Protein backbone atom coordinates (compact mmCIF):
# COMPACT_ATOMS: atom_id res chain seq x y z
CA MET A 1 -12.15 54.01 -40.30
CA ASP A 2 -15.19 51.88 -39.19
CA GLU A 3 -13.69 48.84 -41.15
CA ALA A 4 -10.48 49.17 -39.11
CA LEU A 5 -12.40 49.18 -35.98
CA ILE A 6 -14.20 46.25 -36.98
CA VAL A 7 -10.86 44.38 -37.86
CA SER A 8 -9.11 45.49 -34.70
CA ASN A 9 -12.00 44.02 -32.79
CA VAL A 10 -12.13 40.73 -34.56
CA LEU A 11 -8.47 40.22 -34.09
CA LEU A 12 -8.97 41.02 -30.31
CA TRP A 13 -11.64 38.28 -30.28
CA LEU A 14 -9.42 35.88 -31.79
CA VAL A 15 -6.67 36.82 -29.13
CA VAL A 16 -9.17 36.34 -26.41
CA VAL A 17 -10.12 33.01 -27.77
CA VAL A 18 -6.46 31.62 -28.47
CA LEU A 19 -5.87 32.65 -24.83
CA ALA A 20 -8.92 30.86 -23.24
CA LEU A 21 -7.74 27.82 -25.29
CA LEU A 22 -4.43 27.91 -23.92
CA VAL A 23 -5.53 28.41 -20.29
CA PHE A 24 -7.80 25.29 -20.91
CA ALA A 25 -4.85 23.28 -22.25
CA LEU A 26 -2.69 24.65 -19.44
CA THR A 27 -5.33 23.69 -16.76
CA ARG A 28 -5.70 20.01 -18.38
CA GLN A 29 -1.78 19.38 -18.10
CA VAL A 30 -1.77 20.77 -14.48
CA GLY A 31 -4.58 18.16 -13.67
CA ILE A 32 -2.65 15.35 -15.49
CA LEU A 33 0.56 16.23 -13.75
CA HIS A 34 -1.24 16.49 -10.31
CA GLU A 35 -2.45 12.84 -11.08
CA ARG A 36 1.14 11.55 -12.09
CA ILE A 37 2.71 12.88 -9.04
CA ALA A 38 0.02 11.99 -6.45
CA PRO A 39 1.33 9.46 -3.77
CA ALA A 40 0.64 6.19 -5.17
CA GLY A 41 -0.40 3.89 -2.16
CA ALA A 42 -0.97 0.25 -1.83
CA LEU A 43 -4.18 -0.80 -3.71
CA GLN A 44 -6.68 -1.96 -0.80
CA PRO A 45 -9.01 -4.48 -1.60
CA THR A 46 -12.55 -4.32 -0.32
CA ASN A 47 -13.16 -8.04 0.81
CA GLY A 48 -11.91 -9.36 3.89
CA PRO A 49 -11.41 -7.93 7.33
CA LYS A 50 -11.72 -4.15 7.37
CA VAL A 51 -9.31 -1.32 8.38
CA GLY A 52 -10.16 -0.21 11.81
CA GLU A 53 -11.67 -3.65 13.07
CA LEU A 54 -10.08 -5.68 15.66
CA THR A 55 -8.21 -8.73 14.43
CA THR A 56 -8.31 -12.39 15.94
CA ALA A 57 -5.21 -13.84 17.19
CA MET A 58 -4.19 -16.80 15.08
CA ALA A 59 -1.44 -19.07 16.49
CA LEU A 60 0.45 -20.45 13.44
CA ARG A 61 3.63 -22.61 13.39
CA GLY A 62 6.69 -21.11 11.42
CA VAL A 63 8.76 -23.45 9.10
CA ASP A 64 11.40 -23.60 11.75
CA GLY A 65 8.70 -25.32 14.06
CA GLY A 66 8.20 -22.27 16.38
CA GLU A 67 4.91 -20.74 16.99
CA VAL A 68 4.17 -17.40 15.55
CA THR A 69 0.91 -15.48 16.57
CA ILE A 70 -0.61 -13.07 14.14
CA GLY A 71 -3.39 -10.70 15.00
CA GLY A 72 -4.96 -10.05 18.39
CA GLU A 73 -2.74 -7.88 21.02
CA HIS A 74 0.88 -8.26 20.73
CA GLN A 75 2.29 -8.72 24.14
CA GLY A 76 5.79 -7.27 23.21
CA GLY A 77 3.99 -3.78 22.32
CA LEU A 78 4.93 -4.02 18.69
CA ALA A 79 2.80 -3.51 15.55
CA THR A 80 3.20 -6.40 13.11
CA PHE A 81 3.88 -5.97 9.37
CA VAL A 82 2.75 -9.29 7.47
CA LEU A 83 4.12 -9.62 4.07
CA PHE A 84 2.88 -12.34 2.02
CA ILE A 85 4.92 -14.01 -0.63
CA SER A 86 5.68 -17.25 -2.39
CA PRO A 87 8.49 -18.87 -4.07
CA SER A 88 6.42 -18.55 -7.36
CA CYS A 89 6.15 -14.97 -7.16
CA PRO A 90 9.28 -13.25 -9.02
CA VAL A 91 8.13 -9.74 -7.55
CA CYS A 92 8.23 -10.99 -3.95
CA LYS A 93 11.74 -11.79 -4.19
CA SER A 94 12.74 -8.48 -5.21
CA LEU A 95 10.62 -6.89 -2.67
CA VAL A 96 11.83 -8.96 0.45
CA PRO A 97 15.14 -6.95 0.92
CA THR A 98 13.04 -3.69 0.65
CA ALA A 99 10.73 -4.81 3.44
CA ARG A 100 13.56 -5.96 5.87
CA SER A 101 15.25 -2.23 5.41
CA LEU A 102 11.88 -0.69 5.88
CA VAL A 103 10.90 -2.60 8.96
CA HIS A 104 14.42 -2.34 10.43
CA SER A 105 14.04 1.44 10.34
CA GLU A 106 10.86 1.09 12.28
CA ARG A 107 12.18 -1.83 14.38
CA ASN A 108 11.23 0.16 17.79
CA ARG A 109 7.69 -0.20 17.07
CA MET A 110 7.04 -3.04 14.71
CA ARG A 111 8.21 -6.37 13.71
CA LEU A 112 8.06 -8.31 10.26
CA VAL A 113 6.35 -11.54 9.63
CA PHE A 114 6.68 -13.37 6.13
CA ALA A 115 3.67 -15.54 5.29
CA SER A 116 2.60 -17.76 2.35
CA ASP A 117 -0.65 -19.24 1.61
CA GLY A 118 0.16 -22.79 0.89
CA ALA A 119 -0.36 -26.29 1.98
CA GLU A 120 1.63 -27.61 5.20
CA THR A 121 2.81 -30.55 3.61
CA PRO A 122 6.41 -31.97 3.97
CA GLU A 123 7.02 -31.05 0.15
CA GLU A 124 5.82 -27.34 0.81
CA LEU A 125 7.67 -27.14 4.09
CA LYS A 126 10.86 -28.27 2.48
CA GLN A 127 10.52 -25.94 -0.45
CA HIS A 128 9.68 -22.91 1.76
CA ALA A 129 12.62 -23.63 4.08
CA ASP A 130 14.99 -23.52 1.10
CA TYR A 131 13.10 -20.28 -0.01
CA VAL A 132 13.66 -18.86 3.38
CA SER A 133 17.36 -19.99 3.38
CA ASN A 134 18.00 -18.59 -0.19
CA LEU A 135 16.36 -15.14 0.81
CA GLN A 136 18.52 -14.92 3.89
CA ILE A 137 15.24 -14.42 6.32
CA THR A 138 15.75 -17.04 8.63
CA ALA A 139 15.91 -14.58 11.40
CA TYR A 140 12.38 -13.50 10.84
CA PRO A 141 9.18 -15.74 11.41
CA TYR A 142 7.92 -17.25 8.20
CA VAL A 143 4.57 -19.27 8.23
CA ILE A 144 2.74 -21.18 5.77
CA SER A 145 -0.95 -21.21 6.52
CA GLN A 146 -3.91 -21.43 4.16
CA ALA A 147 -6.39 -20.38 6.96
CA LEU A 148 -4.34 -17.16 7.36
CA GLY A 149 -4.67 -16.22 3.57
CA LEU A 150 -8.23 -17.01 3.63
CA HIS A 151 -9.04 -15.14 6.41
CA TYR A 152 -7.49 -11.99 5.05
CA GLN A 153 -8.61 -12.83 1.58
CA VAL A 154 -5.22 -12.66 -0.12
CA SER A 155 -5.70 -13.21 -3.48
CA LYS A 156 -2.85 -11.55 -5.32
CA LEU A 157 0.92 -11.35 -4.22
CA PRO A 158 2.77 -9.56 -2.89
CA PHE A 159 0.24 -8.39 -0.11
CA ALA A 160 0.87 -6.93 2.92
CA LEU A 161 -1.09 -6.20 6.34
CA LEU A 162 -0.16 -3.76 9.21
CA ILE A 163 -1.69 -4.84 12.62
CA SER A 164 -1.28 -2.45 15.50
CA SER A 165 0.02 -3.75 18.94
CA ASP A 166 -3.54 -3.48 20.31
CA GLY A 167 -4.82 -5.80 17.55
CA THR A 168 -6.41 -3.37 15.19
CA LEU A 169 -6.02 -3.71 11.39
CA LYS A 170 -4.54 -0.52 10.45
CA SER A 171 -3.95 -0.94 6.88
CA LYS A 172 -3.54 -3.65 4.14
CA GLY A 173 -3.22 -3.89 0.40
CA LEU A 174 -1.31 -5.19 -2.49
CA VAL A 175 2.32 -3.90 -2.58
CA ASN A 176 4.75 -3.69 -5.30
CA THR A 177 7.31 -0.98 -4.29
CA ARG A 178 8.81 0.49 -1.13
CA GLU A 179 6.42 3.54 -1.61
CA HIS A 180 3.60 1.04 -1.24
CA MET A 181 4.69 -0.40 1.82
CA GLU A 182 5.46 2.96 3.28
CA SER A 183 1.98 3.90 2.70
CA LEU A 184 0.82 1.40 4.84
CA ILE A 185 2.87 2.62 7.80
CA GLU A 186 1.60 6.34 6.72
CA ALA A 187 -2.02 4.98 6.86
CA MET A 188 -1.23 3.82 10.46
CA ASP A 189 0.24 6.99 11.46
CA SER A 190 -2.28 9.34 10.03
CA GLY A 191 -5.45 7.34 10.73
CA ILE A 192 -6.35 7.63 6.93
CA SER A 193 -6.62 3.79 5.65
CA THR A 194 -5.32 4.61 2.10
CA VAL A 195 -3.15 7.19 0.31
CA GLN A 196 -5.91 7.36 -2.17
CA GLU A 197 -8.55 8.49 0.47
CA PHE A 198 -6.19 10.91 1.69
CA THR A 199 -5.73 12.50 -1.83
CA GLY A 200 -9.26 12.19 -1.87
CA LYS A 201 -9.94 14.44 0.87
CA ILE A 202 -7.16 17.05 -0.09
CA GLN A 203 -8.75 17.63 -3.69
CA PRO A 204 -12.14 18.78 -2.50
CA LYS A 205 -10.64 21.09 -0.09
CA ASN A 206 -8.39 22.46 -2.71
CA ALA A 207 -11.14 22.95 -5.00
CA MET A 208 -13.20 24.89 -2.29
CA GLU A 209 -10.37 27.25 -1.54
CA GLN A 210 -10.06 27.91 -5.37
CA THR A 211 -13.72 29.01 -5.83
CA SER A 212 -13.83 30.85 -2.46
């Protein structure tokens, strides 16, 4: 009888250990799944002007010869979505139609400007003019300016800025998908500079709720 009781206790403890291991494994998988489905926002660099700072108006010349102002207070009352692209960037070409579609859906409150960090030589201007024509974005301002790229510390492409109508830098970052660009707009609307920051605030809150 005593031996049967001991055996049953051992089996019970084995069951408990197995269940504990299963719970641990399940918890780990839930954590991995949460990371995979968490919003993937644009990667925001730490250098250059900070989100929340007032920008300086920069008067630039477009490839069509017209003047384009980026930064500062926009007299039209529209936010400015600036997408940095280049003829040598293959990802940029596929992202341009996405940017047009996204900003078109927000056309009542923002405008789209394309920019490239290059030299303003006759050869460069001709190359970019052809680029604009091939991408069918002649209706949008397109500027070539090393000063603009240096000011915002653009080191990789595609890169985007979102400047509100009052001249405040609302969001910025590397963008490779529509989701990345949408995260910049979401950052402006929510007042949280990055989706990663938003996720970081949610996780501690959920942890506190679980422990309470």
